[in-house]
Amino acid sequence: MILLRSHIGSALRASRIAQGRTLRDVAKSARVSLGYLSEVERGQKEASSELLNSICNALQISLGEVLLIVSAQVRTHEAPTLTVVDDAA
C-alpha cells in the first residue's frame, strides 16, 4: 500500500538533510514543534496543506517541487497492470 504521508515525509527529510539543516532549525522556521515535524518526516503524521506549505517555506522549496518528487516515488511503487492477450482468439 502506498502512503502519501510516507513519501512526503521522505521528500521533506531528504531536502532538509541536503541543506545540512537540523530538525530543530526547520521546526523553528516553520513554527511547528520539533516532535511534530519529526513525525511528519517519518510518515507518522499527515500534515495539513497549511502546515506542509509552512515546512516547504522553511526549507525554501516549493510545494510543487515536493509533489513532483512524491509523484515520481509513487509511480515507481505502483504495481504494473498486466493484460493477458489470447493469441488463439
N, C-alpha and C. Protein backbone atom coordinates (compact mmCIF):
# COMPACT_ATOMS: atom_id res chain seq x y z
N MET A 1 0.84 -1.18 0.00
CA MET A 1 0.00 0.00 0.00
C MET A 1 0.89 1.24 0.00
N ILE A 2 0.49 2.21 -0.81
CA ILE A 2 1.25 3.46 -0.92
C ILE A 2 0.66 4.47 0.05
N LEU A 3 1.49 4.98 0.95
CA LEU A 3 1.07 6.03 1.87
C LEU A 3 1.73 7.34 1.46
N LEU A 4 0.92 8.28 1.03
CA LEU A 4 1.46 9.57 0.60
C LEU A 4 2.24 10.24 1.71
N ARG A 5 1.76 10.11 2.94
CA ARG A 5 2.45 10.79 4.04
C ARG A 5 3.88 10.28 4.21
N SER A 6 4.12 9.00 3.90
CA SER A 6 5.48 8.46 3.99
C SER A 6 6.38 9.07 2.92
N HIS A 7 5.85 9.18 1.71
CA HIS A 7 6.65 9.75 0.62
C HIS A 7 6.86 11.25 0.82
N ILE A 8 5.86 11.94 1.29
CA ILE A 8 6.00 13.38 1.57
C ILE A 8 7.05 13.59 2.65
N GLY A 9 6.95 12.83 3.72
CA GLY A 9 7.92 12.94 4.81
C GLY A 9 9.34 12.66 4.35
N SER A 10 9.48 11.64 3.51
CA SER A 10 10.79 11.28 2.99
C SER A 10 11.37 12.40 2.13
N ALA A 11 10.54 13.02 1.31
CA ALA A 11 10.99 14.13 0.46
C ALA A 11 11.41 15.33 1.30
N LEU A 12 10.64 15.62 2.34
CA LEU A 12 10.98 16.75 3.22
C LEU A 12 12.29 16.49 3.96
N ARG A 13 12.43 15.27 4.47
CA ARG A 13 13.66 14.93 5.20
C ARG A 13 14.87 15.00 4.28
N ALA A 14 14.74 14.46 3.07
CA ALA A 14 15.86 14.49 2.12
C ALA A 14 16.27 15.92 1.80
N SER A 15 15.30 16.80 1.65
CA SER A 15 15.59 18.21 1.38
C SER A 15 16.30 18.85 2.56
N ARG A 16 15.81 18.57 3.75
CA ARG A 16 16.43 19.15 4.96
C ARG A 16 17.87 18.68 5.11
N ILE A 17 18.09 17.39 4.92
CA ILE A 17 19.43 16.83 5.06
C ILE A 17 20.37 17.36 3.98
N ALA A 18 19.85 17.49 2.75
CA ALA A 18 20.67 18.03 1.66
C ALA A 18 21.12 19.46 1.95
N GLN A 19 20.30 20.18 2.70
CA GLN A 19 20.63 21.56 3.06
C GLN A 19 21.53 21.62 4.30
N GLY A 20 21.75 20.48 4.93
CA GLY A 20 22.59 20.44 6.13
C GLY A 20 21.94 21.10 7.33
N ARG A 21 20.62 21.08 7.36
CA ARG A 21 19.89 21.75 8.45
C ARG A 21 19.39 20.73 9.46
N THR A 22 19.22 21.19 10.67
CA THR A 22 18.73 20.32 11.73
C THR A 22 17.20 20.35 11.77
N LEU A 23 16.67 19.32 12.36
CA LEU A 23 15.22 19.25 12.56
C LEU A 23 14.75 20.45 13.39
N ARG A 24 15.52 20.78 14.41
CA ARG A 24 15.20 21.90 15.29
C ARG A 24 15.14 23.22 14.52
N ASP A 25 16.11 23.43 13.65
CA ASP A 25 16.16 24.67 12.86
C ASP A 25 14.94 24.81 11.95
N VAL A 26 14.60 23.73 11.24
CA VAL A 26 13.46 23.78 10.32
C VAL A 26 12.15 23.92 11.09
N ALA A 27 12.03 23.21 12.19
CA ALA A 27 10.81 23.30 13.01
C ALA A 27 10.61 24.74 13.50
N LYS A 28 11.67 25.36 13.93
CA LYS A 28 11.58 26.75 14.40
C LYS A 28 11.17 27.68 13.27
N SER A 29 11.79 27.51 12.10
CA SER A 29 11.45 28.36 10.95
C SER A 29 10.01 28.15 10.48
N ALA A 30 9.55 26.90 10.56
CA ALA A 30 8.19 26.57 10.11
C ALA A 30 7.14 26.84 11.19
N ARG A 31 7.60 27.15 12.40
CA ARG A 31 6.72 27.40 13.54
C ARG A 31 5.86 26.19 13.88
N VAL A 32 6.52 25.03 13.90
CA VAL A 32 5.87 23.79 14.35
C VAL A 32 6.77 23.16 15.41
N SER A 33 6.20 22.29 16.19
CA SER A 33 7.02 21.64 17.22
C SER A 33 8.00 20.68 16.56
N LEU A 34 9.12 20.51 17.19
CA LEU A 34 10.14 19.61 16.71
C LEU A 34 9.59 18.19 16.61
N GLY A 35 8.84 17.76 17.62
CA GLY A 35 8.26 16.43 17.64
C GLY A 35 7.29 16.20 16.50
N TYR A 36 6.48 17.20 16.21
CA TYR A 36 5.50 17.07 15.13
C TYR A 36 6.21 16.98 13.78
N LEU A 37 7.20 17.83 13.56
CA LEU A 37 7.95 17.79 12.31
C LEU A 37 8.63 16.44 12.15
N SER A 38 9.18 15.92 13.22
CA SER A 38 9.81 14.60 13.18
C SER A 38 8.81 13.54 12.76
N GLU A 39 7.60 13.60 13.30
CA GLU A 39 6.57 12.63 12.95
C GLU A 39 6.14 12.77 11.48
N VAL A 40 6.09 14.00 11.00
CA VAL A 40 5.75 14.23 9.59
C VAL A 40 6.84 13.63 8.70
N GLU A 41 8.09 13.87 9.04
CA GLU A 41 9.20 13.34 8.25
C GLU A 41 9.23 11.81 8.25
N ARG A 42 8.83 11.20 9.34
CA ARG A 42 8.82 9.74 9.43
C ARG A 42 7.55 9.11 8.87
N GLY A 43 6.63 9.96 8.39
CA GLY A 43 5.39 9.46 7.80
C GLY A 43 4.38 9.00 8.82
N GLN A 44 4.53 9.43 10.07
CA GLN A 44 3.60 9.03 11.13
C GLN A 44 2.44 10.00 11.26
N LYS A 45 2.61 11.21 10.81
CA LYS A 45 1.55 12.22 10.82
C LYS A 45 1.35 12.75 9.41
N GLU A 46 0.10 13.01 9.09
CA GLU A 46 -0.23 13.59 7.80
C GLU A 46 -0.42 15.09 8.00
N ALA A 47 0.46 15.87 7.39
CA ALA A 47 0.42 17.32 7.57
C ALA A 47 -0.72 17.93 6.77
N SER A 48 -1.36 18.94 7.35
CA SER A 48 -2.37 19.70 6.61
C SER A 48 -1.67 20.47 5.50
N SER A 49 -2.42 20.96 4.54
CA SER A 49 -1.83 21.72 3.45
C SER A 49 -1.15 22.99 3.98
N GLU A 50 -1.74 23.60 4.99
CA GLU A 50 -1.14 24.81 5.57
C GLU A 50 0.20 24.50 6.23
N LEU A 51 0.25 23.41 6.99
CA LEU A 51 1.48 23.02 7.66
C LEU A 51 2.54 22.60 6.65
N LEU A 52 2.12 21.85 5.64
CA LEU A 52 3.04 21.42 4.61
C LEU A 52 3.64 22.63 3.89
N ASN A 53 2.82 23.61 3.61
CA ASN A 53 3.30 24.84 2.97
C ASN A 53 4.29 25.57 3.87
N SER A 54 4.02 25.60 5.16
CA SER A 54 4.91 26.25 6.11
C SER A 54 6.28 25.55 6.17
N ILE A 55 6.26 24.22 6.14
CA ILE A 55 7.51 23.45 6.17
C ILE A 55 8.29 23.69 4.87
N CYS A 56 7.59 23.68 3.75
CA CYS A 56 8.24 23.94 2.46
C CYS A 56 8.86 25.33 2.44
N ASN A 57 8.16 26.32 2.95
CA ASN A 57 8.71 27.68 3.02
C ASN A 57 9.96 27.71 3.89
N ALA A 58 9.92 27.01 5.00
CA ALA A 58 11.09 26.96 5.89
C ALA A 58 12.28 26.31 5.19
N LEU A 59 12.00 25.34 4.33
CA LEU A 59 13.06 24.66 3.59
C LEU A 59 13.42 25.38 2.28
N GLN A 60 12.68 26.44 1.98
CA GLN A 60 12.88 27.22 0.76
C GLN A 60 12.77 26.35 -0.49
N ILE A 61 11.74 25.49 -0.49
CA ILE A 61 11.39 24.69 -1.66
C ILE A 61 9.90 24.88 -1.91
N SER A 62 9.50 24.68 -3.13
CA SER A 62 8.08 24.85 -3.42
C SER A 62 7.32 23.57 -3.12
N LEU A 63 6.06 23.75 -2.79
CA LEU A 63 5.19 22.60 -2.57
C LEU A 63 5.10 21.78 -3.85
N GLY A 64 5.09 22.45 -5.00
CA GLY A 64 5.05 21.76 -6.29
C GLY A 64 6.25 20.85 -6.49
N GLU A 65 7.41 21.31 -6.06
CA GLU A 65 8.63 20.50 -6.17
C GLU A 65 8.52 19.23 -5.33
N VAL A 66 8.01 19.38 -4.12
CA VAL A 66 7.82 18.22 -3.24
C VAL A 66 6.82 17.26 -3.87
N LEU A 67 5.74 17.78 -4.42
CA LEU A 67 4.73 16.92 -5.02
C LEU A 67 5.25 16.21 -6.26
N LEU A 68 6.14 16.84 -7.01
CA LEU A 68 6.75 16.17 -8.17
C LEU A 68 7.62 15.00 -7.71
N ILE A 69 8.38 15.21 -6.66
CA ILE A 69 9.22 14.14 -6.11
C ILE A 69 8.34 12.99 -5.63
N VAL A 70 7.29 13.33 -4.91
CA VAL A 70 6.38 12.31 -4.39
C VAL A 70 5.69 11.56 -5.53
N SER A 71 5.28 12.29 -6.55
CA SER A 71 4.63 11.68 -7.69
C SER A 71 5.54 10.64 -8.35
N ALA A 72 6.81 10.98 -8.52
CA ALA A 72 7.77 10.05 -9.12
C ALA A 72 7.95 8.81 -8.24
N GLN A 73 8.00 9.01 -6.92
CA GLN A 73 8.15 7.88 -6.00
C GLN A 73 6.93 6.96 -6.05
N VAL A 74 5.76 7.54 -6.11
CA VAL A 74 4.53 6.75 -6.15
C VAL A 74 4.49 5.92 -7.43
N ARG A 75 4.86 6.54 -8.55
CA ARG A 75 4.85 5.82 -9.82
C ARG A 75 5.76 4.60 -9.77
N THR A 76 6.91 4.71 -9.14
CA THR A 76 7.84 3.58 -9.08
C THR A 76 7.35 2.48 -8.14
N HIS A 77 6.48 2.82 -7.20
CA HIS A 77 5.97 1.83 -6.25
C HIS A 77 4.65 1.20 -6.66
N GLU A 78 4.02 1.78 -7.67
CA GLU A 78 2.75 1.22 -8.13
C GLU A 78 3.02 -0.06 -8.90
N ALA A 79 2.17 -1.03 -8.66
CA ALA A 79 2.31 -2.30 -9.38
C ALA A 79 1.85 -2.12 -10.82
N PRO A 80 2.62 -2.64 -11.76
CA PRO A 80 2.19 -2.52 -13.16
C PRO A 80 0.94 -3.38 -13.42
N THR A 81 0.12 -2.90 -14.32
CA THR A 81 -1.08 -3.64 -14.69
C THR A 81 -0.75 -4.46 -15.94
N LEU A 82 -0.91 -5.76 -15.84
CA LEU A 82 -0.61 -6.64 -16.97
C LEU A 82 -1.91 -7.07 -17.63
N THR A 83 -1.88 -7.14 -18.93
CA THR A 83 -3.02 -7.59 -19.69
C THR A 83 -2.66 -8.86 -20.42
N VAL A 84 -3.47 -9.89 -20.26
CA VAL A 84 -3.22 -11.16 -20.94
C VAL A 84 -3.95 -11.12 -22.28
N VAL A 85 -3.21 -11.38 -23.33
CA VAL A 85 -3.76 -11.39 -24.67
C VAL A 85 -3.83 -12.84 -25.13
N ASP A 86 -4.98 -13.26 -25.55
CA ASP A 86 -5.18 -14.64 -26.01
C ASP A 86 -4.95 -14.68 -27.52
N ASP A 87 -3.82 -15.26 -27.92
CA ASP A 87 -3.49 -15.34 -29.36
C ASP A 87 -4.41 -16.32 -30.09
N ALA A 88 -5.06 -17.24 -29.38
CA ALA A 88 -5.91 -18.25 -30.02
C ALA A 88 -7.24 -17.65 -30.49
N ALA A 89 -7.60 -16.53 -29.97
CA ALA A 89 -8.90 -15.94 -30.32
C ALA A 89 -8.92 -15.26 -31.64
